[in-house]
Amino acid sequence: MDWQQFGLDEAAREAKLGAVMEHRTQRKVMGHVMMGYVRATELYSTVPVPEHDERCLRAEPCDFEKAPASEKAAF
């Protein structure tokens, strides 16, 4: 993928830090990973938008959701 880097100002970095700090229980397990998102830059990739497909606009249940309740536990 083609990556682009954008600089963040101090206010944006502080907002990200504040958001990460709100997740106290997650920080106990993976705080070092979460703190890695508080940095001076953001990385973005440019990915082409797929062609419009009407199927993506309809909410249809998956096959297992149509199964009788007694069979759902097997999934």
PDB file of N, CA and C in Angstrom:
ATOM      1  N   MET A   1       0.837  -1.186   0.000  1.00  0.00           N
ATOM      2  CA  MET A   1       0.000   0.000   0.000  1.00  0.00           C
ATOM      3  C   MET A   1       0.876   1.240   0.000  1.00  0.00           C
ATOM      4  N   ASP A   2       0.334   2.285  -0.526  1.00  0.00           N
ATOM      5  CA  ASP A   2       1.010   3.570  -0.549  1.00  0.00           C
ATOM      6  C   ASP A   2       0.664   4.327   0.726  1.00  0.00           C
ATOM      7  N   TRP A   3       1.659   4.545   1.600  1.00  0.00           N
ATOM      8  CA  TRP A   3       1.423   5.211   2.877  1.00  0.00           C
ATOM      9  C   TRP A   3       1.756   6.690   2.792  1.00  0.00           C
ATOM     10  N   GLN A   4       0.929   7.485   3.478  1.00  0.00           N
ATOM     11  CA  GLN A   4       1.164   8.914   3.596  1.00  0.00           C
ATOM     12  C   GLN A   4       1.232   9.255   5.078  1.00  0.00           C
ATOM     13  N   GLN A   5       2.037  10.230   5.405  1.00  0.00           N
ATOM     14  CA  GLN A   5       2.221  10.625   6.799  1.00  0.00           C
ATOM     15  C   GLN A   5       1.786  12.069   6.963  1.00  0.00           C
ATOM     16  N   PHE A   6       0.994  12.331   8.011  1.00  0.00           N
ATOM     17  CA  PHE A   6       0.515  13.672   8.303  1.00  0.00           C
ATOM     18  C   PHE A   6       0.898  14.038   9.731  1.00  0.00           C
ATOM     19  N   GLY A   7       1.392  15.236   9.904  1.00  0.00           N
ATOM     20  CA  GLY A   7       1.771  15.708  11.229  1.00  0.00           C
ATOM     21  C   GLY A   7       0.555  16.074  12.066  1.00  0.00           C
ATOM     22  N   LEU A   8       0.660  15.846  13.377  1.00  0.00           N
ATOM     23  CA  LEU A   8      -0.400  16.218  14.317  1.00  0.00           C
ATOM     24  C   LEU A   8       0.090  17.345  15.204  1.00  0.00           C
ATOM     25  N   ASP A   9      -0.799  18.274  15.491  1.00  0.00           N
ATOM     26  CA  ASP A   9      -0.419  19.355  16.394  1.00  0.00           C
ATOM     27  C   ASP A   9      -0.558  18.888  17.845  1.00  0.00           C
ATOM     28  N   GLU A  10      -0.128  19.719  18.754  1.00  0.00           N
ATOM     29  CA  GLU A  10      -0.134  19.365  20.177  1.00  0.00           C
ATOM     30  C   GLU A  10      -1.537  19.041  20.670  1.00  0.00           C
ATOM     31  N   ALA A  11      -2.543  19.772  20.232  1.00  0.00           N
ATOM     32  CA  ALA A  11      -3.917  19.526  20.675  1.00  0.00           C
ATOM     33  C   ALA A  11      -4.401  18.142  20.236  1.00  0.00           C
ATOM     34  N   ALA A  12      -4.060  17.748  19.033  1.00  0.00           N
ATOM     35  CA  ALA A  12      -4.455  16.426  18.540  1.00  0.00           C
ATOM     36  C   ALA A  12      -3.758  15.322  19.327  1.00  0.00           C
ATOM     37  N   ARG A  13      -2.489  15.506  19.622  1.00  0.00           N
ATOM     38  CA  ARG A  13      -1.750  14.507  20.410  1.00  0.00           C
ATOM     39  C   ARG A  13      -2.321  14.396  21.823  1.00  0.00           C
ATOM     40  N   GLU A  14      -2.668  15.524  22.417  1.00  0.00           N
ATOM     41  CA  GLU A  14      -3.257  15.514  23.757  1.00  0.00           C
ATOM     42  C   GLU A  14      -4.623  14.825  23.740  1.00  0.00           C
ATOM     43  N   ALA A  15      -5.401  15.051  22.695  1.00  0.00           N
ATOM     44  CA  ALA A  15      -6.714  14.398  22.585  1.00  0.00           C
ATOM     45  C   ALA A  15      -6.555  12.884  22.464  1.00  0.00           C
ATOM     46  N   LYS A  16      -5.583  12.448  21.670  1.00  0.00           N
ATOM     47  CA  LYS A  16      -5.331  11.013  21.540  1.00  0.00           C
ATOM     48  C   LYS A  16      -4.875  10.423  22.868  1.00  0.00           C
ATOM     49  N   LEU A  17      -3.996  11.105  23.562  1.00  0.00           N
ATOM     50  CA  LEU A  17      -3.525  10.626  24.854  1.00  0.00           C
ATOM     51  C   LEU A  17      -4.692  10.526  25.837  1.00  0.00           C
ATOM     52  N   GLY A  18      -5.538  11.526  25.856  1.00  0.00           N
ATOM     53  CA  GLY A  18      -6.705  11.505  26.741  1.00  0.00           C
ATOM     54  C   GLY A  18      -7.634  10.343  26.435  1.00  0.00           C
ATOM     55  N   ALA A  19      -7.828  10.055  25.159  1.00  0.00           N
ATOM     56  CA  ALA A  19      -8.687   8.933  24.775  1.00  0.00           C
ATOM     57  C   ALA A  19      -8.079   7.612  25.218  1.00  0.00           C
ATOM     58  N   VAL A  20      -6.786   7.438  25.019  1.00  0.00           N
ATOM     59  CA  VAL A  20      -6.112   6.201  25.433  1.00  0.00           C
ATOM     60  C   VAL A  20      -6.184   6.053  26.954  1.00  0.00           C
ATOM     61  N   MET A  21      -5.992   7.130  27.677  1.00  0.00           N
ATOM     62  CA  MET A  21      -5.981   7.063  29.137  1.00  0.00           C
ATOM     63  C   MET A  21      -7.346   6.667  29.706  1.00  0.00           C
ATOM     64  N   GLU A  22      -8.419   6.877  28.981  1.00  0.00           N
ATOM     65  CA  GLU A  22      -9.758   6.499  29.435  1.00  0.00           C
ATOM     66  C   GLU A  22      -9.957   4.990  29.461  1.00  0.00           C
ATOM     67  N   HIS A  23      -9.139   4.255  28.746  1.00  0.00           N
ATOM     68  CA  HIS A  23      -9.285   2.797  28.649  1.00  0.00           C
ATOM     69  C   HIS A  23      -8.381   2.118  29.677  1.00  0.00           C
ATOM     70  N   ARG A  24      -8.721   2.288  30.931  1.00  0.00           N
ATOM     71  CA  ARG A  24      -7.861   1.824  32.020  1.00  0.00           C
ATOM     72  C   ARG A  24      -7.638   0.314  32.000  1.00  0.00           C
ATOM     73  N   THR A  25      -8.692  -0.461  31.840  1.00  0.00           N
ATOM     74  CA  THR A  25      -8.521  -1.912  31.884  1.00  0.00           C
ATOM     75  C   THR A  25      -7.719  -2.417  30.697  1.00  0.00           C
ATOM     76  N   GLN A  26      -7.937  -1.846  29.516  1.00  0.00           N
ATOM     77  CA  GLN A  26      -7.168  -2.271  28.349  1.00  0.00           C
ATOM     78  C   GLN A  26      -5.694  -1.907  28.486  1.00  0.00           C
ATOM     79  N   ARG A  27      -5.417  -0.763  29.099  1.00  0.00           N
ATOM     80  CA  ARG A  27      -4.030  -0.334  29.276  1.00  0.00           C
ATOM     81  C   ARG A  27      -3.256  -1.298  30.164  1.00  0.00           C
ATOM     82  N   LYS A  28      -3.944  -1.944  31.110  1.00  0.00           N
ATOM     83  CA  LYS A  28      -3.262  -2.903  31.980  1.00  0.00           C
ATOM     84  C   LYS A  28      -2.696  -4.067  31.179  1.00  0.00           C
ATOM     85  N   VAL A  29      -3.388  -4.432  30.119  1.00  0.00           N
ATOM     86  CA  VAL A  29      -2.984  -5.585  29.318  1.00  0.00           C
ATOM     87  C   VAL A  29      -2.097  -5.185  28.149  1.00  0.00           C
ATOM     88  N   MET A  30      -2.448  -4.088  27.483  1.00  0.00           N
ATOM     89  CA  MET A  30      -1.716  -3.714  26.267  1.00  0.00           C
ATOM     90  C   MET A  30      -1.428  -2.218  26.191  1.00  0.00           C
ATOM     91  N   GLY A  31      -1.079  -1.648  27.324  1.00  0.00           N
ATOM     92  CA  GLY A  31      -0.816  -0.220  27.381  1.00  0.00           C
ATOM     93  C   GLY A  31       0.287   0.236  26.451  1.00  0.00           C
ATOM     94  N   HIS A  32       1.360  -0.555  26.331  1.00  0.00           N
ATOM     95  CA  HIS A  32       2.478  -0.157  25.464  1.00  0.00           C
ATOM     96  C   HIS A  32       2.035  -0.087  24.004  1.00  0.00           C
ATOM     97  N   VAL A  33       1.129  -0.957  23.604  1.00  0.00           N
ATOM     98  CA  VAL A  33       0.616  -0.908  22.224  1.00  0.00           C
ATOM     99  C   VAL A  33      -0.266   0.328  22.039  1.00  0.00           C
ATOM    100  N   MET A  34      -1.161   0.546  22.989  1.00  0.00           N
ATOM    101  CA  MET A  34      -2.063   1.688  22.890  1.00  0.00           C
ATOM    102  C   MET A  34      -1.307   3.016  22.898  1.00  0.00           C
ATOM    103  N   MET A  35      -0.278   3.113  23.723  1.00  0.00           N
ATOM    104  CA  MET A  35       0.489   4.358  23.780  1.00  0.00           C
ATOM    105  C   MET A  35       1.245   4.595  22.473  1.00  0.00           C
ATOM    106  N   GLY A  36       1.488   3.547  21.717  1.00  0.00           N
ATOM    107  CA  GLY A  36       2.144   3.691  20.427  1.00  0.00           C
ATOM    108  C   GLY A  36       1.333   4.500  19.427  1.00  0.00           C
ATOM    109  N   TYR A  37       0.024   4.627  19.686  1.00  0.00           N
ATOM    110  CA  TYR A  37      -0.822   5.422  18.796  1.00  0.00           C
ATOM    111  C   TYR A  37      -0.771   6.912  19.113  1.00  0.00           C
ATOM    112  N   VAL A  38      -0.171   7.264  20.232  1.00  0.00           N
ATOM    113  CA  VAL A  38      -0.033   8.672  20.602  1.00  0.00           C
ATOM    114  C   VAL A  38       1.328   9.124  20.098  1.00  0.00           C
ATOM    115  N   ARG A  39       1.348   9.673  18.917  1.00  0.00           N
ATOM    116  CA  ARG A  39       2.610  10.086  18.293  1.00  0.00           C
ATOM    117  C   ARG A  39       2.403  11.394  17.537  1.00  0.00           C
ATOM    118  N   ALA A  40       3.457  11.902  16.983  1.00  0.00           N
ATOM    119  CA  ALA A  40       3.416  13.207  16.313  1.00  0.00           C
ATOM    120  C   ALA A  40       2.892  13.126  14.884  1.00  0.00           C
ATOM    121  N   THR A  41       2.726  11.907  14.365  1.00  0.00           N
ATOM    122  CA  THR A  41       2.245  11.756  12.989  1.00  0.00           C
ATOM    123  C   THR A  41       1.144  10.703  12.925  1.00  0.00           C
ATOM    124  N   GLU A  42       0.350  10.770  11.872  1.00  0.00           N
ATOM    125  CA  GLU A  42      -0.652   9.750  11.561  1.00  0.00           C
ATOM    126  C   GLU A  42      -0.299   9.165  10.214  1.00  0.00           C
ATOM    127  N   LEU A  43      -0.444   7.873  10.093  1.00  0.00           N
ATOM    128  CA  LEU A  43      -0.199   7.209   8.816  1.00  0.00           C
ATOM    129  C   LEU A  43      -1.528   6.853   8.168  1.00  0.00           C
ATOM    130  N   TYR A  44      -1.629   7.095   6.888  1.00  0.00           N
ATOM    131  CA  TYR A  44      -2.814   6.765   6.110  1.00  0.00           C
ATOM    132  C   TYR A  44      -2.363   6.062   4.846  1.00  0.00           C
ATOM    133  N   SER A  45      -3.202   5.172   4.377  1.00  0.00           N
ATOM    134  CA  SER A  45      -2.917   4.546   3.090  1.00  0.00           C
ATOM    135  C   SER A  45      -4.022   4.925   2.119  1.00  0.00           C
ATOM    136  N   THR A  46      -3.664   5.012   0.886  1.00  0.00           N
ATOM    137  CA  THR A  46      -4.651   5.306  -0.143  1.00  0.00           C
ATOM    138  C   THR A  46      -5.060   3.984  -0.779  1.00  0.00           C
ATOM    139  N   VAL A  47      -6.311   3.639  -0.608  1.00  0.00           N
ATOM    140  CA  VAL A  47      -6.865   2.408  -1.155  1.00  0.00           C
ATOM    141  C   VAL A  47      -8.028   2.799  -2.050  1.00  0.00           C
ATOM    142  N   PRO A  48      -8.086   2.277  -3.259  1.00  0.00           N
ATOM    143  CA  PRO A  48      -9.202   2.630  -4.138  1.00  0.00           C
ATOM    144  C   PRO A  48     -10.544   2.209  -3.537  1.00  0.00           C
ATOM    145  N   VAL A  49     -11.543   3.015  -3.738  1.00  0.00           N
ATOM    146  CA  VAL A  49     -12.897   2.705  -3.275  1.00  0.00           C
ATOM    147  C   VAL A  49     -13.485   1.670  -4.229  1.00  0.00           C
ATOM    148  N   PRO A  50     -14.044   0.568  -3.684  1.00  0.00           N
ATOM    149  CA  PRO A  50     -14.626  -0.438  -4.577  1.00  0.00           C
ATOM    150  C   PRO A  50     -15.846   0.107  -5.304  1.00  0.00           C
ATOM    151  N   GLU A  51     -16.154  -0.521  -6.420  1.00  0.00           N
ATOM    152  CA  GLU A  51     -17.338  -0.108  -7.170  1.00  0.00           C
ATOM    153  C   GLU A  51     -18.574  -0.286  -6.312  1.00  0.00           C
ATOM    154  N   HIS A  52     -19.574   0.541  -6.559  1.00  0.00           N
ATOM    155  CA  HIS A  52     -20.840   0.497  -5.826  1.00  0.00           C
ATOM    156  C   HIS A  52     -21.523  -0.848  -6.070  1.00  0.00           C
ATOM    157  N   ASP A  53     -21.971  -1.476  -5.009  1.00  0.00           N
ATOM    158  CA  ASP A  53     -22.638  -2.765  -5.099  1.00  0.00           C
ATOM    159  C   ASP A  53     -23.883  -2.705  -4.218  1.00  0.00           C
ATOM    160  N   GLU A  54     -25.049  -2.886  -4.791  1.00  0.00           N
ATOM    161  CA  GLU A  54     -26.302  -2.810  -4.046  1.00  0.00           C
ATOM    162  C   GLU A  54     -26.351  -3.789  -2.888  1.00  0.00           C
ATOM    163  N   ARG A  55     -25.662  -4.927  -2.986  1.00  0.00           N
ATOM    164  CA  ARG A  55     -25.689  -5.913  -1.913  1.00  0.00           C
ATOM    165  C   ARG A  55     -25.093  -5.354  -0.634  1.00  0.00           C
ATOM    166  N   CYS A  56     -24.194  -4.411  -0.742  1.00  0.00           N
ATOM    167  CA  CYS A  56     -23.560  -3.843   0.446  1.00  0.00           C
ATOM    168  C   CYS A  56     -24.510  -2.929   1.215  1.00  0.00           C
ATOM    169  N   LEU A  57     -25.581  -2.517   0.602  1.00  0.00           N
ATOM    170  CA  LEU A  57     -26.502  -1.575   1.230  1.00  0.00           C
ATOM    171  C   LEU A  57     -27.641  -2.266   1.971  1.00  0.00           C
ATOM    172  N   ARG A  58     -27.809  -3.561   1.775  1.00  0.00           N
ATOM    173  CA  ARG A  58     -28.902  -4.295   2.418  1.00  0.00           C
ATOM    174  C   ARG A  58     -28.360  -5.074   3.611  1.00  0.00           C
ATOM    175  N   ALA A  59     -29.066  -4.982   4.702  1.00  0.00           N
ATOM    176  CA  ALA A  59     -28.692  -5.777   5.880  1.00  0.00           C
ATOM    177  C   ALA A  59     -29.394  -7.123   5.770  1.00  0.00           C
ATOM    178  N   GLU A  60     -28.633  -8.149   5.470  1.00  0.00           N
ATOM    179  CA  GLU A  60     -29.201  -9.483   5.350  1.00  0.00           C
ATOM    180  C   GLU A  60     -28.548 -10.387   6.378  1.00  0.00           C
ATOM    181  N   PRO A  61     -29.337 -11.267   7.011  1.00  0.00           N
ATOM    182  CA  PRO A  61     -28.761 -12.152   8.020  1.00  0.00           C
ATOM    183  C   PRO A  61     -27.810 -13.166   7.391  1.00  0.00           C
ATOM    184  N   CYS A  62     -26.821 -13.559   8.167  1.00  0.00           N
ATOM    185  CA  CYS A  62     -25.920 -14.609   7.722  1.00  0.00           C
ATOM    186  C   CYS A  62     -26.647 -15.945   7.783  1.00  0.00           C
ATOM    187  N   ASP A  63     -26.122 -16.952   7.117  1.00  0.00           N
ATOM    188  CA  ASP A  63     -26.767 -18.265   7.095  1.00  0.00           C
ATOM    189  C   ASP A  63     -27.010 -18.815   8.493  1.00  0.00           C
ATOM    190  N   PHE A  64     -26.023 -18.657   9.409  1.00  0.00           N
ATOM    191  CA  PHE A  64     -26.210 -19.231  10.741  1.00  0.00           C
ATOM    192  C   PHE A  64     -27.320 -18.535  11.510  1.00  0.00           C
ATOM    193  N   GLU A  65     -27.623 -17.264  11.177  1.00  0.00           N
ATOM    194  CA  GLU A  65     -28.695 -16.552  11.868  1.00  0.00           C
ATOM    195  C   GLU A  65     -30.067 -17.075  11.459  1.00  0.00           C
ATOM    196  N   LYS A  66     -30.156 -17.746  10.323  1.00  0.00           N
ATOM    197  CA  LYS A  66     -31.415 -18.314   9.858  1.00  0.00           C
ATOM    198  C   LYS A  66     -31.659 -19.695  10.460  1.00  0.00           C
ATOM    199  N   ALA A  67     -30.644 -20.287  11.052  1.00  0.00           N
ATOM    200  CA  ALA A  67     -30.759 -21.636  11.599  1.00  0.00           C
ATOM    201  C   ALA A  67     -31.658 -21.649  12.826  1.00  0.00           C
ATOM    202  N   PRO A  68     -32.320 -22.787  13.093  1.00  0.00           N
ATOM    203  CA  PRO A  68     -33.129 -22.898  14.316  1.00  0.00           C
ATOM    204  C   PRO A  68     -32.258 -22.681  15.548  1.00  0.00           C
ATOM    205  N   ALA A  69     -32.850 -22.200  16.622  1.00  0.00           N
ATOM    206  CA  ALA A  69     -32.102 -21.882  17.840  1.00  0.00           C
ATOM    207  C   ALA A  69     -31.269 -23.058  18.328  1.00  0.00           C
ATOM    208  N   SER A  70     -31.763 -24.279  18.184  1.00  0.00           N
ATOM    209  CA  SER A  70     -31.029 -25.451  18.667  1.00  0.00           C
ATOM    210  C   SER A  70     -29.740 -25.653  17.885  1.00  0.00           C
ATOM    211  N   GLU A  71     -29.651 -25.144  16.659  1.00  0.00           N
ATOM    212  CA  GLU A  71     -28.458 -25.318  15.848  1.00  0.00           C
ATOM    213  C   GLU A  71     -27.489 -24.164  15.994  1.00  0.00           C
ATOM    214  N   LYS A  72     -27.930 -23.038  16.497  1.00  0.00           N
ATOM    215  CA  LYS A  72     -27.064 -21.854  16.592  1.00  0.00           C
ATOM    216  C   LYS A  72     -25.885 -22.088  17.504  1.00  0.00           C
ATOM    217  N   ALA A  73     -26.066 -22.876  18.568  1.00  0.00           N
ATOM    218  CA  ALA A  73     -24.990 -23.094  19.522  1.00  0.00           C
ATOM    219  C   ALA A  73     -23.818 -23.833  18.905  1.00  0.00           C
ATOM    220  N   ALA A  74     -24.055 -24.542  17.802  1.00  0.00           N
ATOM    221  CA  ALA A  74     -22.992 -25.300  17.170  1.00  0.00           C
ATOM    222  C   ALA A  74     -22.024 -24.415  16.416  1.00  0.00           C
ATOM    223  N   PHE A  75     -22.396 -23.179  16.148  1.00  0.00           N
ATOM    224  CA  PHE A  75     -21.534 -22.305  15.346  1.00  0.00           C
ATOM    225  C   PHE A  75     -20.554 -21.645  16.200  1.00  0.00           C
TER     226      PHE A  75
END
